[in-house]
Amino acid sequence: MTEERPTRRDILKPVQLLGLAFGAALFAGVITLISMGFFQQRGDAMNAIVVALVIAGVSFIAVLVIVSLLLLAVDPSKVAEPVDKPVLLPDEDDDADAAGDTKADGKA
């Protein structure tokens, strides 16, 4: 039972990326409308709509750029490899090389 691992393209397709950005923009726009009192029938409804559209547009672009840059940071060849240790720790063979170098220098 060998299961094929999904590729990076399968994990997050461009349509899903746009959907995530649109969802974040919609959320930011609705929260802005609520916080500016749009649904309370006050007189400045047009101002609230303009500010909500600006906030929604900025958040759409920001989420789209940030998630795209995060996807570019992943090395496609390493996506298929399983990760069994914390990512920020150095490799074990690097530790062995560093320990061997200090013993060869006579500092250890």
Protein backbone atom coordinates (compact mmCIF):
# COMPACT_ATOMS: atom_id res chain seq x y z
CA MET A 1 0.00 0.00 0.00
CA THR A 2 2.22 2.77 -1.20
CA GLU A 3 0.46 6.10 -1.09
CA GLU A 4 1.74 8.83 -3.32
CA ARG A 5 2.52 12.03 -1.48
CA PRO A 6 0.87 15.15 -2.87
CA THR A 7 3.08 17.64 -4.62
CA ARG A 8 3.26 21.31 -3.70
CA ARG A 9 1.11 22.12 -6.72
CA ASP A 10 -1.56 19.72 -5.45
CA ILE A 11 -1.44 21.14 -1.94
CA LEU A 12 -2.14 24.76 -2.80
CA LYS A 13 -3.42 25.55 -6.28
CA PRO A 14 -3.66 29.14 -7.56
CA VAL A 15 -7.44 29.12 -7.26
CA GLN A 16 -7.14 28.13 -3.61
CA LEU A 17 -4.58 30.88 -3.08
CA LEU A 18 -6.96 33.45 -4.55
CA GLY A 19 -9.83 32.02 -2.50
CA LEU A 20 -7.82 32.35 0.71
CA ALA A 21 -6.93 35.95 -0.11
CA PHE A 22 -10.54 36.75 -1.03
CA GLY A 23 -11.80 35.19 2.21
CA ALA A 24 -9.36 37.26 4.26
CA ALA A 25 -10.36 40.43 2.36
CA LEU A 26 -14.06 39.71 2.89
CA PHE A 27 -13.48 39.14 6.60
CA ALA A 28 -11.50 42.39 6.93
CA GLY A 29 -14.17 44.33 5.02
CA VAL A 30 -17.04 43.02 7.13
CA ILE A 31 -15.16 43.67 10.38
CA THR A 32 -14.44 47.23 9.20
CA LEU A 33 -18.11 47.79 8.36
CA ILE A 34 -19.18 46.50 11.76
CA SER A 35 -16.61 48.57 13.64
CA MET A 36 -17.56 51.76 11.77
CA GLY A 37 -21.27 51.33 12.60
CA PHE A 38 -22.54 50.66 9.08
CA PHE A 39 -25.35 48.41 10.31
CA GLN A 40 -26.60 50.91 12.91
CA GLN A 41 -28.25 53.20 10.33
CA ARG A 42 -26.13 56.20 11.14
CA GLY A 43 -25.58 58.96 8.59
CA ASP A 44 -22.02 58.16 7.42
CA ALA A 45 -22.69 54.89 5.60
CA MET A 46 -20.85 55.95 2.44
CA ASN A 47 -17.66 56.69 4.37
CA ALA A 48 -17.83 53.26 6.03
CA ILE A 49 -18.21 51.53 2.66
CA VAL A 50 -15.23 53.36 1.16
CA VAL A 51 -13.00 52.58 4.13
CA ALA A 52 -14.13 48.92 4.13
CA LEU A 53 -13.33 48.58 0.42
CA VAL A 54 -9.87 50.07 0.94
CA ILE A 55 -9.17 47.76 3.90
CA ALA A 56 -10.46 44.75 1.95
CA GLY A 57 -8.27 45.59 -1.05
CA VAL A 58 -5.17 46.07 1.06
CA SER A 59 -5.73 42.83 2.95
CA PHE A 60 -6.39 40.92 -0.33
CA ILE A 61 -3.09 42.07 -1.81
CA ALA A 62 -1.17 41.54 1.44
CA VAL A 63 -2.42 37.98 1.94
CA LEU A 64 -1.80 37.13 -1.71
CA VAL A 65 1.78 38.42 -1.63
CA ILE A 66 2.67 36.94 1.77
CA VAL A 67 1.34 33.45 1.03
CA SER A 68 2.95 33.46 -2.43
CA LEU A 69 6.32 34.40 -0.96
CA LEU A 70 5.99 31.72 1.70
CA LEU A 71 5.29 29.15 -1.01
CA LEU A 72 8.40 30.26 -2.88
CA ALA A 73 10.51 29.71 0.23
CA VAL A 74 9.85 25.95 0.15
CA ASP A 75 12.34 23.91 -1.85
CA PRO A 76 10.27 21.68 -4.17
CA SER A 77 12.74 18.80 -3.91
CA LYS A 78 12.40 18.74 -0.12
CA VAL A 79 8.60 18.63 -0.15
CA ALA A 80 8.59 14.91 -0.96
CA GLU A 81 11.09 14.03 1.79
CA PRO A 82 9.72 13.14 5.23
CA VAL A 83 10.86 15.39 8.07
CA ASP A 84 11.58 13.48 11.28
CA LYS A 85 13.36 16.21 13.25
CA PRO A 86 12.90 19.90 13.98
CA VAL A 87 13.58 21.99 10.91
CA LEU A 88 15.89 24.55 12.48
CA LEU A 89 18.33 22.04 13.99
CA PRO A 90 21.50 21.38 11.96
CA ASP A 91 21.98 18.03 10.24
CA GLU A 92 23.67 15.27 12.22
CA ASP A 93 26.52 14.89 9.73
CA ASP A 94 27.20 18.63 10.06
CA ASP A 95 27.55 18.15 13.83
CA ALA A 96 29.99 15.27 13.32
CA ASP A 97 32.08 17.36 10.91
CA ALA A 98 32.20 20.28 13.33
CA ALA A 99 33.22 18.01 16.21
CA GLY A 100 35.92 16.39 14.08
CA ASP A 101 37.30 19.78 13.06
CA THR A 102 37.70 20.99 16.65
CA LYS A 103 39.48 17.78 17.69
CA ALA A 104 41.82 18.05 14.74
CA ASP A 105 42.70 21.63 15.75
CA GLY A 106 43.57 20.48 19.26
CA LYS A 107 41.10 22.87 20.89
CA ALA A 108 38.80 20.18 22.31
